[in-house]
Full PDB file with SEQRES, HELIX, SHEET, SSBOND, CRYST1, ORIGX, SCALE, CONECT and MASTER records, all heavy atoms in Angstrom:
SEQRES   1 A   43  ALA GLU TRP LEU GLY GLU GLY GLY PRO ARG GLN VAL GLY          
SEQRES   2 A   43  ARG VAL MET ALA LEU TYR GLY GLY ALA VAL PRO TRP TRP          
SEQRES   3 A   43  ARG VAL VAL ARG ALA ASP GLY LEU PRO LEU PRO GLY HIS          
SEQRES   4 A   43  GLU ALA ARG ALA                                              
HELIX    1 AA1 PRO A    9  TYR A   19  1                                  11    
HELIX    2 AA2 GLY A   20  ALA A   22  5                                   3    
HELIX    3 AA3 TRP A   25  ARG A   27  5                                   3    
CRYST1    1.000    1.000    1.000  90.00  90.00  90.00 P 1           1          
ORIGX1      1.000000  0.000000  0.000000        0.00000                         
ORIGX2      0.000000  1.000000  0.000000        0.00000                         
ORIGX3      0.000000  0.000000  1.000000        0.00000                         
SCALE1      1.000000  0.000000  0.000000        0.00000                         
SCALE2      0.000000  1.000000  0.000000        0.00000                         
SCALE3      0.000000  0.000000  1.000000        0.00000                         
ATOM      1  N   ALA A   1      12.097   2.726   8.426  1.00  0.00           N  
ATOM      2  CA  ALA A   1      12.814   3.649   7.543  1.00  0.00           C  
ATOM      3  C   ALA A   1      12.052   4.964   7.396  1.00  0.00           C  
ATOM      4  O   ALA A   1      12.645   6.047   7.463  1.00  0.00           O  
ATOM      5  CB  ALA A   1      13.029   3.005   6.176  1.00  0.00           C  
ATOM      6  N   GLU A   2      10.744   4.872   7.227  1.00  0.00           N  
ATOM      7  CA  GLU A   2       9.930   6.084   7.079  1.00  0.00           C  
ATOM      8  C   GLU A   2       9.961   6.914   8.358  1.00  0.00           C  
ATOM      9  O   GLU A   2      10.067   8.131   8.322  1.00  0.00           O  
ATOM     10  CB  GLU A   2       8.492   5.693   6.737  1.00  0.00           C  
ATOM     11  CG  GLU A   2       7.592   6.876   6.474  1.00  0.00           C  
ATOM     12  CD  GLU A   2       6.198   6.455   6.065  1.00  0.00           C  
ATOM     13  OE1 GLU A   2       6.039   5.400   5.422  1.00  0.00           O  
ATOM     14  OE2 GLU A   2       5.259   7.198   6.398  1.00  0.00           O  
ATOM     15  N   TRP A   3       9.876   6.244   9.500  1.00  0.00           N  
ATOM     16  CA  TRP A   3       9.903   6.950  10.782  1.00  0.00           C  
ATOM     17  C   TRP A   3      11.221   7.686  10.976  1.00  0.00           C  
ATOM     18  O   TRP A   3      11.263   8.797  11.477  1.00  0.00           O  
ATOM     19  CB  TRP A   3       9.638   5.955  11.913  1.00  0.00           C  
ATOM     20  CG  TRP A   3       9.325   6.588  13.219  1.00  0.00           C  
ATOM     21  CD1 TRP A   3       8.175   7.236  13.576  1.00  0.00           C  
ATOM     22  CD2 TRP A   3      10.165   6.633  14.367  1.00  0.00           C  
ATOM     23  NE1 TRP A   3       8.261   7.671  14.873  1.00  0.00           N  
ATOM     24  CE2 TRP A   3       9.478   7.317  15.381  1.00  0.00           C  
ATOM     25  CE3 TRP A   3      11.448   6.154  14.634  1.00  0.00           C  
ATOM     26  CZ2 TRP A   3      10.018   7.537  16.635  1.00  0.00           C  
ATOM     27  CZ3 TRP A   3      11.985   6.379  15.892  1.00  0.00           C  
ATOM     28  CH2 TRP A   3      11.267   7.061  16.874  1.00  0.00           C  
ATOM     29  N   LEU A   4      12.312   7.034  10.532  1.00  0.00           N  
ATOM     30  CA  LEU A   4      13.628   7.665  10.639  1.00  0.00           C  
ATOM     31  C   LEU A   4      13.817   8.773   9.608  1.00  0.00           C  
ATOM     32  O   LEU A   4      14.639   9.661   9.793  1.00  0.00           O  
ATOM     33  CB  LEU A   4      14.740   6.624  10.455  1.00  0.00           C  
ATOM     34  CG  LEU A   4      14.919   5.615  11.574  1.00  0.00           C  
ATOM     35  CD1 LEU A   4      15.919   4.546  11.157  1.00  0.00           C  
ATOM     36  CD2 LEU A   4      15.367   6.304  12.848  1.00  0.00           C  
ATOM     37  N   GLY A   5      13.072   8.669   8.507  1.00  0.00           N  
ATOM     38  CA  GLY A   5      13.222   9.650   7.442  1.00  0.00           C  
ATOM     39  C   GLY A   5      14.436   9.410   6.572  1.00  0.00           C  
ATOM     40  O   GLY A   5      14.906  10.310   5.877  1.00  0.00           O  
ATOM     41  N   GLU A   6      14.930   8.173   6.566  1.00  0.00           N  
ATOM     42  CA  GLU A   6      16.084   7.842   5.727  1.00  0.00           C  
ATOM     43  C   GLU A   6      16.138   6.342   5.480  1.00  0.00           C  
ATOM     44  O   GLU A   6      15.614   5.552   6.251  1.00  0.00           O  
ATOM     45  CB  GLU A   6      17.386   8.320   6.368  1.00  0.00           C  
ATOM     46  CG  GLU A   6      17.688   7.683   7.708  1.00  0.00           C  
ATOM     47  CD  GLU A   6      18.967   8.199   8.341  1.00  0.00           C  
ATOM     48  OE1 GLU A   6      20.012   8.249   7.654  1.00  0.00           O  
ATOM     49  OE2 GLU A   6      18.928   8.558   9.520  1.00  0.00           O  
ATOM     50  N   GLY A   7      16.775   5.970   4.384  1.00  0.00           N  
ATOM     51  CA  GLY A   7      16.896   4.566   4.030  1.00  0.00           C  
ATOM     52  C   GLY A   7      15.576   4.008   3.546  1.00  0.00           C  
ATOM     53  O   GLY A   7      14.641   4.738   3.235  1.00  0.00           O  
ATOM     54  N   GLY A   8      15.529   2.703   3.465  1.00  0.00           N  
ATOM     55  CA  GLY A   8      14.332   2.007   3.023  1.00  0.00           C  
ATOM     56  C   GLY A   8      14.254   0.656   3.703  1.00  0.00           C  
ATOM     57  O   GLY A   8      15.099   0.318   4.544  1.00  0.00           O  
ATOM     58  N   PRO A   9      13.252  -0.157   3.330  1.00  0.00           N  
ATOM     59  CA  PRO A   9      13.075  -1.461   3.981  1.00  0.00           C  
ATOM     60  C   PRO A   9      14.308  -2.359   3.889  1.00  0.00           C  
ATOM     61  O   PRO A   9      14.652  -3.034   4.856  1.00  0.00           O  
ATOM     62  CB  PRO A   9      11.891  -2.087   3.242  1.00  0.00           C  
ATOM     63  CG  PRO A   9      11.212  -0.969   2.539  1.00  0.00           C  
ATOM     64  CD  PRO A   9      12.223   0.114   2.336  1.00  0.00           C  
ATOM     65  N   ARG A  10      14.964  -2.354   2.746  1.00  0.00           N  
ATOM     66  CA  ARG A  10      16.143  -3.226   2.592  1.00  0.00           C  
ATOM     67  C   ARG A  10      17.292  -2.795   3.498  1.00  0.00           C  
ATOM     68  O   ARG A  10      18.002  -3.629   4.052  1.00  0.00           O  
ATOM     69  CB  ARG A  10      16.595  -3.274   1.133  1.00  0.00           C  
ATOM     70  CG  ARG A  10      15.605  -4.021   0.263  1.00  0.00           C  
ATOM     71  CD  ARG A  10      16.108  -4.122  -1.170  1.00  0.00           C  
ATOM     72  NE  ARG A  10      15.104  -4.676  -2.038  1.00  0.00           N  
ATOM     73  CZ  ARG A  10      14.960  -5.977  -2.286  1.00  0.00           C  
ATOM     74  NH1 ARG A  10      15.765  -6.845  -1.713  1.00  0.00           N  
ATOM     75  NH2 ARG A  10      14.018  -6.401  -3.091  1.00  0.00           N  
ATOM     76  N   GLN A  11      17.478  -1.494   3.640  1.00  0.00           N  
ATOM     77  CA  GLN A  11      18.545  -1.000   4.515  1.00  0.00           C  
ATOM     78  C   GLN A  11      18.247  -1.354   5.976  1.00  0.00           C  
ATOM     79  O   GLN A  11      19.138  -1.766   6.719  1.00  0.00           O  
ATOM     80  CB  GLN A  11      18.723   0.512   4.356  1.00  0.00           C  
ATOM     81  CG  GLN A  11      19.335   0.922   3.035  1.00  0.00           C  
ATOM     82  CD  GLN A  11      18.343   0.954   1.876  1.00  0.00           C  
ATOM     83  OE1 GLN A  11      17.132   0.892   2.060  1.00  0.00           O  
ATOM     84  NE2 GLN A  11      18.858   1.033   0.671  1.00  0.00           N  
ATOM     85  N   VAL A  12      16.988  -1.198   6.379  1.00  0.00           N  
ATOM     86  CA  VAL A  12      16.608  -1.568   7.746  1.00  0.00           C  
ATOM     87  C   VAL A  12      16.789  -3.073   7.936  1.00  0.00           C  
ATOM     88  O   VAL A  12      17.326  -3.526   8.957  1.00  0.00           O  
ATOM     89  CB  VAL A  12      15.163  -1.138   8.059  1.00  0.00           C  
ATOM     90  CG1 VAL A  12      14.701  -1.708   9.401  1.00  0.00           C  
ATOM     91  CG2 VAL A  12      15.046   0.382   8.056  1.00  0.00           C  
ATOM     92  N   GLY A  13      16.379  -3.866   6.950  1.00  0.00           N  
ATOM     93  CA  GLY A  13      16.551  -5.316   7.028  1.00  0.00           C  
ATOM     94  C   GLY A  13      18.005  -5.717   7.159  1.00  0.00           C  
ATOM     95  O   GLY A  13      18.352  -6.628   7.923  1.00  0.00           O  
ATOM     96  N   ARG A  14      18.868  -5.039   6.431  1.00  0.00           N  
ATOM     97  CA  ARG A  14      20.305  -5.337   6.503  1.00  0.00           C  
ATOM     98  C   ARG A  14      20.851  -5.026   7.897  1.00  0.00           C  
ATOM     99  O   ARG A  14      21.605  -5.808   8.466  1.00  0.00           O  
ATOM    100  CB  ARG A  14      21.049  -4.515   5.438  1.00  0.00           C  
ATOM    101  CG  ARG A  14      22.520  -4.771   5.402  1.00  0.00           C  
ATOM    102  CD  ARG A  14      22.831  -6.083   4.757  1.00  0.00           C  
ATOM    103  NE  ARG A  14      24.278  -6.220   4.647  1.00  0.00           N  
ATOM    104  CZ  ARG A  14      24.898  -7.376   4.677  1.00  0.00           C  
ATOM    105  NH1 ARG A  14      24.207  -8.493   4.770  1.00  0.00           N  
ATOM    106  NH2 ARG A  14      26.188  -7.435   4.590  1.00  0.00           N  
ATOM    107  N   VAL A  15      20.454  -3.885   8.449  1.00  0.00           N  
ATOM    108  CA  VAL A  15      20.886  -3.537   9.808  1.00  0.00           C  
ATOM    109  C   VAL A  15      20.400  -4.598  10.788  1.00  0.00           C  
ATOM    110  O   VAL A  15      21.165  -5.063  11.643  1.00  0.00           O  
ATOM    111  CB  VAL A  15      20.370  -2.138  10.218  1.00  0.00           C  
ATOM    112  CG1 VAL A  15      20.560  -1.904  11.707  1.00  0.00           C  
ATOM    113  CG2 VAL A  15      21.058  -1.058   9.405  1.00  0.00           C  
ATOM    114  N   MET A  16      19.140  -4.996  10.659  1.00  0.00           N  
ATOM    115  CA  MET A  16      18.595  -5.993  11.582  1.00  0.00           C  
ATOM    116  C   MET A  16      19.318  -7.329  11.439  1.00  0.00           C  
ATOM    117  O   MET A  16      19.576  -8.005  12.430  1.00  0.00           O  
ATOM    118  CB  MET A  16      17.091  -6.153  11.369  1.00  0.00           C  
ATOM    119  CG  MET A  16      16.281  -4.920  11.739  1.00  0.00           C  
ATOM    120  SD  MET A  16      16.485  -4.396  13.452  1.00  0.00           S  
ATOM    121  CE  MET A  16      15.728  -5.788  14.301  1.00  0.00           C  
ATOM    122  N   ALA A  17      19.651  -7.710  10.203  1.00  0.00           N  
ATOM    123  CA  ALA A  17      20.358  -8.978   9.983  1.00  0.00           C  
ATOM    124  C   ALA A  17      21.752  -8.950  10.602  1.00  0.00           C  
ATOM    125  O   ALA A  17      22.206  -9.947  11.169  1.00  0.00           O  
ATOM    126  CB  ALA A  17      20.448  -9.274   8.484  1.00  0.00           C  
ATOM    127  N   LEU A  18      22.425  -7.822  10.521  1.00  0.00           N  
ATOM    128  CA  LEU A  18      23.793  -7.729  11.023  1.00  0.00           C  
ATOM    129  C   LEU A  18      23.890  -7.426  12.513  1.00  0.00           C  
ATOM    130  O   LEU A  18      24.775  -7.928  13.197  1.00  0.00           O  
ATOM    131  CB  LEU A  18      24.562  -6.651  10.253  1.00  0.00           C  
ATOM    132  CG  LEU A  18      24.822  -6.937   8.782  1.00  0.00           C  
ATOM    133  CD1 LEU A  18      25.456  -5.724   8.114  1.00  0.00           C  
ATOM    134  CD2 LEU A  18      25.710  -8.166   8.621  1.00  0.00           C  
ATOM    135  N   TYR A  19      22.977  -6.580  13.022  1.00  0.00           N  
ATOM    136  CA  TYR A  19      23.134  -6.061  14.378  1.00  0.00           C  
ATOM    137  C   TYR A  19      21.906  -6.231  15.271  1.00  0.00           C  
ATOM    138  O   TYR A  19      21.938  -5.833  16.427  1.00  0.00           O  
ATOM    139  CB  TYR A  19      23.457  -4.554  14.331  1.00  0.00           C  
ATOM    140  CG  TYR A  19      24.587  -4.176  13.409  1.00  0.00           C  
ATOM    141  CD1 TYR A  19      24.329  -3.492  12.219  1.00  0.00           C  
ATOM    142  CD2 TYR A  19      25.905  -4.497  13.719  1.00  0.00           C  
ATOM    143  CE1 TYR A  19      25.367  -3.138  11.373  1.00  0.00           C  
ATOM    144  CE2 TYR A  19      26.940  -4.146  12.876  1.00  0.00           C  
ATOM    145  CZ  TYR A  19      26.670  -3.470  11.700  1.00  0.00           C  
ATOM    146  OH  TYR A  19      27.690  -3.113  10.862  1.00  0.00           O  
ATOM    147  N   GLY A  20      20.818  -6.790  14.757  1.00  0.00           N  
ATOM    148  CA  GLY A  20      19.547  -6.780  15.474  1.00  0.00           C  
ATOM    149  C   GLY A  20      19.374  -7.779  16.594  1.00  0.00           C  
ATOM    150  O   GLY A  20      18.348  -7.757  17.272  1.00  0.00           O  
ATOM    151  N   GLY A  21      20.319  -8.641  16.840  1.00  0.00           N  
ATOM    152  CA  GLY A  21      20.155  -9.666  17.858  1.00  0.00           C  
ATOM    153  C   GLY A  21      20.017  -9.156  19.276  1.00  0.00           C  
ATOM    154  O   GLY A  21      19.460  -9.835  20.135  1.00  0.00           O  
ATOM    155  N   ALA A  22      20.496  -7.945  19.540  1.00  0.00           N  
ATOM    156  CA  ALA A  22      20.476  -7.414  20.905  1.00  0.00           C  
ATOM    157  C   ALA A  22      19.254  -6.539  21.183  1.00  0.00           C  
ATOM    158  O   ALA A  22      19.109  -6.022  22.280  1.00  0.00           O  
ATOM    159  CB  ALA A  22      21.752  -6.609  21.165  1.00  0.00           C  
ATOM    160  N   VAL A  23      18.387  -6.368  20.198  1.00  0.00           N  
ATOM    161  CA  VAL A  23      17.168  -5.563  20.363  1.00  0.00           C  
ATOM    162  C   VAL A  23      15.964  -6.475  20.105  1.00  0.00           C  
ATOM    163  O   VAL A  23      16.123  -7.597  19.622  1.00  0.00           O  
ATOM    164  CB  VAL A  23      17.165  -4.346  19.408  1.00  0.00           C  
ATOM    165  CG1 VAL A  23      18.333  -3.410  19.716  1.00  0.00           C  
ATOM    166  CG2 VAL A  23      17.170  -4.766  17.957  1.00  0.00           C  
ATOM    167  N   PRO A  24      14.751  -6.022  20.410  1.00  0.00           N  
ATOM    168  CA  PRO A  24      13.566  -6.868  20.174  1.00  0.00           C  
ATOM    169  C   PRO A  24      13.264  -7.020  18.676  1.00  0.00           C  
ATOM    170  O   PRO A  24      12.341  -6.417  18.132  1.00  0.00           O  
ATOM    171  CB  PRO A  24      12.449  -6.152  20.932  1.00  0.00           C  
ATOM    172  CG  PRO A  24      12.926  -4.770  21.164  1.00  0.00           C  
ATOM    173  CD  PRO A  24      14.414  -4.790  21.117  1.00  0.00           C  
ATOM    174  N   TRP A  25      14.061  -7.834  18.002  1.00  0.00           N  
ATOM    175  CA  TRP A  25      14.012  -8.026  16.554  1.00  0.00           C  
ATOM    176  C   TRP A  25      12.651  -8.496  16.062  1.00  0.00           C  
ATOM    177  O   TRP A  25      12.252  -8.203  14.944  1.00  0.00           O  
ATOM    178  CB  TRP A  25      15.093  -9.021  16.116  1.00  0.00           C  
ATOM    179  CG  TRP A  25      15.025 -10.328  16.845  1.00  0.00           C  
ATOM    180  CD1 TRP A  25      15.719 -10.653  17.971  1.00  0.00           C  
ATOM    181  CD2 TRP A  25      14.198 -11.450  16.540  1.00  0.00           C  
ATOM    182  NE1 TRP A  25      15.377 -11.926  18.385  1.00  0.00           N  
ATOM    183  CE2 TRP A  25      14.449 -12.442  17.527  1.00  0.00           C  
ATOM    184  CE3 TRP A  25      13.280 -11.735  15.532  1.00  0.00           C  
ATOM    185  CZ2 TRP A  25      13.811 -13.676  17.520  1.00  0.00           C  
ATOM    186  CZ3 TRP A  25      12.631 -12.960  15.528  1.00  0.00           C  
ATOM    187  CH2 TRP A  25      12.903 -13.927  16.516  1.00  0.00           C  
ATOM    188  N   TRP A  26      11.912  -9.211  16.895  1.00  0.00           N  
ATOM    189  CA  TRP A  26      10.618  -9.758  16.484  1.00  0.00           C  
ATOM    190  C   TRP A  26       9.568  -8.660  16.299  1.00  0.00           C  
ATOM    191  O   TRP A  26       8.515  -8.906  15.732  1.00  0.00           O  
ATOM    192  CB  TRP A  26      10.122 -10.790  17.506  1.00  0.00           C  
ATOM    193  CG  TRP A  26       9.981 -10.226  18.889  1.00  0.00           C  
ATOM    194  CD1 TRP A  26       8.866  -9.678  19.447  1.00  0.00           C  
ATOM    195  CD2 TRP A  26      10.997 -10.142  19.886  1.00  0.00           C  
ATOM    196  NE1 TRP A  26       9.129  -9.249  20.737  1.00  0.00           N  
ATOM    197  CE2 TRP A  26      10.433  -9.526  21.029  1.00  0.00           C  
ATOM    198  CE3 TRP A  26      12.344 -10.523  19.932  1.00  0.00           C  
ATOM    199  CZ2 TRP A  26      11.159  -9.284  22.191  1.00  0.00           C  
ATOM    200  CZ3 TRP A  26      13.052 -10.277  21.092  1.00  0.00           C  
ATOM    201  CH2 TRP A  26      12.459  -9.666  22.211  1.00  0.00           C  
ATOM    202  N   ARG A  27       9.872  -7.452  16.735  1.00  0.00           N  
ATOM    203  CA  ARG A  27       8.931  -6.337  16.579  1.00  0.00           C  
ATOM    204  C   ARG A  27       9.112  -5.602  15.252  1.00  0.00           C  
ATOM    205  O   ARG A  27       8.380  -4.663  14.968  1.00  0.00           O  
ATOM    206  CB  ARG A  27       9.073  -5.354  17.733  1.00  0.00           C  
ATOM    207  CG  ARG A  27       8.703  -5.973  19.067  1.00  0.00           C  
ATOM    208  CD  ARG A  27       8.790  -4.975  20.185  1.00  0.00           C  
ATOM    209  NE  ARG A  27       8.694  -5.662  21.468  1.00  0.00           N  
ATOM    210  CZ  ARG A  27       9.269  -5.237  22.578  1.00  0.00           C  
ATOM    211  NH1 ARG A  27       9.947  -4.110  22.589  1.00  0.00           N  
ATOM    212  NH2 ARG A  27       9.144  -5.938  23.697  1.00  0.00           N  
ATOM    213  N   VAL A  28      10.075  -6.020  14.437  1.00  0.00           N  
ATOM    214  CA  VAL A  28      10.255  -5.464  13.089  1.00  0.00           C  
ATOM    215  C   VAL A  28       9.954  -6.600  12.121  1.00  0.00           C  
ATOM    216  O   VAL A  28      10.604  -7.643  12.152  1.00  0.00           O  
ATOM    217  CB  VAL A  28      11.683  -4.918  12.888  1.00  0.00           C  
ATOM    218  CG1 VAL A  28      11.831  -4.323  11.496  1.00  0.00           C  
ATOM    219  CG2 VAL A  28      12.010  -3.892  13.950  1.00  0.00           C  
ATOM    220  N   VAL A  29       8.937  -6.382  11.295  1.00  0.00           N  
ATOM    221  CA  VAL A  29       8.386  -7.488  10.512  1.00  0.00           C  
ATOM    222  C   VAL A  29       8.189  -7.114   9.049  1.00  0.00           C  
ATOM    223  O   VAL A  29       8.241  -5.949   8.672  1.00  0.00           O  
ATOM    224  CB  VAL A  29       7.030  -7.931  11.114  1.00  0.00           C  
ATOM    225  CG1 VAL A  29       7.199  -8.380  12.556  1.00  0.00           C  
ATOM    226  CG2 VAL A  29       5.992  -6.830  11.016  1.00  0.00           C  
ATOM    227  N   ARG A  30       7.914  -8.140   8.276  1.00  0.00           N  
ATOM    228  CA  ARG A  30       7.542  -7.949   6.873  1.00  0.00           C  
ATOM    229  C   ARG A  30       6.138  -7.354   6.816  1.00  0.00           C  
ATOM    230  O   ARG A  30       5.329  -7.567   7.717  1.00  0.00           O  
ATOM    231  CB  ARG A  30       7.562  -9.288   6.146  1.00  0.00           C  
ATOM    232  CG  ARG A  30       8.910  -9.934   6.133  1.00  0.00           C  
ATOM    233  CD  ARG A  30       8.968 -11.335   5.596  1.00  0.00           C  
ATOM    234  NE  ARG A  30       7.750 -11.860   5.005  1.00  0.00           N  
ATOM    235  CZ  ARG A  30       7.690 -13.009   4.366  1.00  0.00           C  
ATOM    236  NH1 ARG A  30       8.767 -13.744   4.224  1.00  0.00           N  
ATOM    237  NH2 ARG A  30       6.560 -13.438   3.870  1.00  0.00           N  
ATOM    238  N   ALA A  31       5.854  -6.657   5.765  1.00  0.00           N  
ATOM    239  CA  ALA A  31       4.559  -5.986   5.626  1.00  0.00           C  
ATOM    240  C   ALA A  31       3.392  -6.966   5.546  1.00  0.00           C  
ATOM    241  O   ALA A  31       2.262  -6.606   5.866  1.00  0.00           O  
ATOM    242  CB  ALA A  31       4.570  -5.079   4.402  1.00  0.00           C  
ATOM    243  N   ASP A  32       3.651  -8.212   5.153  1.00  0.00           N  
ATOM    244  CA  ASP A  32       2.553  -9.186   5.038  1.00  0.00           C  
ATOM    245  C   ASP A  32       2.168  -9.824   6.369  1.00  0.00           C  
ATOM    246  O   ASP A  32       1.222 -10.592   6.442  1.00  0.00           O  
ATOM    247  CB  ASP A  32       2.873 -10.263   4.006  1.00  0.00           C  
ATOM    248  CG  ASP A  32       4.076 -11.130   4.367  1.00  0.00           C  
ATOM    249  OD1 ASP A  32       4.618 -11.020   5.494  1.00  0.00           O  
ATOM    250  OD2 ASP A  32       4.480 -11.946   3.520  1.00  0.00           O  
ATOM    251  N   GLY A  33       2.890  -9.507   7.441  1.00  0.00           N  
ATOM    252  CA  GLY A  33       2.539 -10.007   8.762  1.00  0.00           C  
ATOM    253  C   GLY A  33       3.031 -11.405   9.079  1.00  0.00           C  
ATOM    254  O   GLY A  33       2.771 -11.913  10.167  1.00  0.00           O  
ATOM    255  N   LEU A  34       3.743 -12.035   8.160  1.00  0.00           N  
ATOM    256  CA  LEU A  34       4.291 -13.360   8.443  1.00  0.00           C  
ATOM    257  C   LEU A  34       5.550 -13.228   9.288  1.00  0.00           C  
ATOM    258  O   LEU A  34       6.341 -12.309   9.083  1.00  0.00           O  
ATOM    259  CB  LEU A  34       4.618 -14.104   7.147  1.00  0.00           C  
ATOM    260  CG  LEU A  34       3.415 -14.578   6.343  1.00  0.00           C  
ATOM    261  CD1 LEU A  34       3.859 -15.150   4.997  1.00  0.00           C  
ATOM    262  CD2 LEU A  34       2.641 -15.625   7.124  1.00  0.00           C  
ATOM    263  N   PRO A  35       5.739 -14.142  10.241  1.00  0.00           N  
ATOM    264  CA  PRO A  35       6.965 -14.101  11.046  1.00  0.00           C  
ATOM    265  C   PRO A  35       8.202 -14.286  10.170  1.00  0.00           C  
ATOM    266  O   PRO A  35       8.135 -14.870   9.087  1.00  0.00           O  
ATOM    267  CB  PRO A  35       6.811 -15.282  12.010  1.00  0.00           C  
ATOM    268  CG  PRO A  35       5.346 -15.540  12.057  1.00  0.00           C  
ATOM    269  CD  PRO A  35       4.830 -15.191  10.692  1.00  0.00           C  
ATOM    270  N   LEU A  36       9.313 -13.784  10.651  1.00  0.00           N  
ATOM    271  CA  LEU A  36      10.577 -13.859   9.938  1.00  0.00           C  
ATOM    272  C   LEU A  36      10.912 -15.310   9.595  1.00  0.00           C  
ATOM    273  O   LEU A  36      10.973 -16.164  10.496  1.00  0.00           O  
ATOM    274  CB  LEU A  36      11.686 -13.259  10.810  1.00  0.00           C  
ATOM    275  CG  LEU A  36      13.075 -13.174  10.216  1.00  0.00           C  
ATOM    276  CD1 LEU A  36      13.083 -12.221   9.030  1.00  0.00           C  
ATOM    277  CD2 LEU A  36      14.048 -12.705  11.278  1.00  0.00           C  
ATOM    278  N   PRO A  37      11.094 -15.634   8.305  1.00  0.00           N  
ATOM    279  CA  PRO A  37      11.412 -17.007   7.911  1.00  0.00           C  
ATOM    280  C   PRO A  37      12.646 -17.534   8.646  1.00  0.00           C  
ATOM    281  O   PRO A  37      13.650 -16.847   8.755  1.00  0.00           O  
ATOM    282  CB  PRO A  37      11.666 -16.908   6.404  1.00  0.00           C  
ATOM    283  CG  PRO A  37      10.921 -15.684   5.977  1.00  0.00           C  
ATOM    284  CD  PRO A  37      11.013 -14.734   7.150  1.00  0.00           C  
ATOM    285  N   GLY A  38      12.514 -18.719   9.166  1.00  0.00           N  
ATOM    286  CA  GLY A  38      13.599 -19.339   9.915  1.00  0.00           C  
ATOM    287  C   GLY A  38      13.563 -19.029  11.400  1.00  0.00           C  
ATOM    288  O   GLY A  38      14.271 -19.652  12.185  1.00  0.00           O  
ATOM    289  N   HIS A  39      12.762 -18.057  11.780  1.00  0.00           N  
ATOM    290  CA  HIS A  39      12.668 -17.651  13.180  1.00  0.00           C  
ATOM    291  C   HIS A  39      11.217 -17.638  13.658  1.00  0.00           C  
ATOM    292  O   HIS A  39      10.902 -17.015  14.670  1.00  0.00           O  
ATOM    293  CB  HIS A  39      13.282 -16.255  13.379  1.00  0.00           C  
ATOM    294  CG  HIS A  39      14.722 -16.180  12.977  1.00  0.00           C  
ATOM    295  ND1 HIS A  39      15.743 -16.585  13.791  1.00  0.00           N  
ATOM    296  CD2 HIS A  39      15.295 -15.778  11.823  1.00  0.00           C  
ATOM    297  CE1 HIS A  39      16.893 -16.418  13.161  1.00  0.00           C  
ATOM    298  NE2 HIS A  39      16.645 -15.928  11.969  1.00  0.00           N  
ATOM    299  N   GLU A  40      10.353 -18.328  12.926  1.00  0.00           N  
ATOM    300  CA  GLU A  40       8.919 -18.299  13.224  1.00  0.00           C  
ATOM    301  C   GLU A  40       8.596 -18.716  14.648  1.00  0.00           C  
ATOM    302  O   GLU A  40       7.837 -18.022  15.338  1.00  0.00           O  
ATOM    303  CB  GLU A  40       8.135 -19.197  12.247  1.00  0.00           C  
ATOM    304  CG  GLU A  40       8.214 -18.789  10.806  1.00  0.00           C  
ATOM    305  CD  GLU A  40       9.331 -19.487  10.039  1.00  0.00           C  
ATOM    306  OE1 GLU A  40      10.247 -20.069  10.664  1.00  0.00           O  
ATOM    307  OE2 GLU A  40       9.278 -19.449   8.801  1.00  0.00           O  
ATOM    308  N   ALA A  41       9.146 -19.839  15.092  1.00  0.00           N  
ATOM    309  CA  ALA A  41       8.808 -20.360  16.422  1.00  0.00           C  
ATOM    310  C   ALA A  41       9.233 -19.385  17.523  1.00  0.00           C  
ATOM    311  O   ALA A  41       8.451 -19.102  18.437  1.00  0.00           O  
ATOM    312  CB  ALA A  41       9.450 -21.727  16.646  1.00  0.00           C  
ATOM    313  N   ARG A  42      10.450 -18.860  17.422  1.00  0.00           N  
ATOM    314  CA  ARG A  42      10.927 -17.909  18.436  1.00  0.00           C  
ATOM    315  C   ARG A  42      10.113 -16.626  18.411  1.00  0.00           C  
ATOM    316  O   ARG A  42       9.762 -16.077  19.456  1.00  0.00           O  
ATOM    317  CB  ARG A  42      12.412 -17.613  18.232  1.00  0.00           C  
ATOM    318  CG  ARG A  42      13.294 -18.785  18.644  1.00  0.00           C  
ATOM    319  CD  ARG A  42      14.768 -18.521  18.471  1.00  0.00           C  
ATOM    320  NE  ARG A  42      15.207 -17.281  19.077  1.00  0.00           N  
ATOM    321  CZ  ARG A  42      16.164 -16.500  18.559  1.00  0.00           C  
ATOM    322  NH1 ARG A  42      16.763 -16.832  17.443  1.00  0.00           N  
ATOM    323  NH2 ARG A  42      16.520 -15.398  19.166  1.00  0.00           N  
ATOM    324  N   ALA A  43       9.811 -16.137  17.220  1.00  0.00           N  
ATOM    325  CA  ALA A  43       9.014 -14.908  17.108  1.00  0.00           C  
ATOM    326  C   ALA A  43       7.628 -15.125  17.693  1.00  0.00           C  
ATOM    327  O   ALA A  43       7.126 -14.285  18.448  1.00  0.00           O  
ATOM    328  CB  ALA A  43       8.927 -14.471  15.649  1.00  0.00           C  
TER     329      ALA A  43                                                      
MASTER        0    0    0    3    0    0    0    6  328    1    0    4          
END                                                                             
């Protein structure tokens, strides 16, 4: 969101949840460094 200069973490998360399956989703993560819950093994 900061790089784009618009929106925030929740808006980016919503986009990733709805449309992120076709891009390298595992490269967008929570700030604490834990893999995305429910997708840990694949990530």
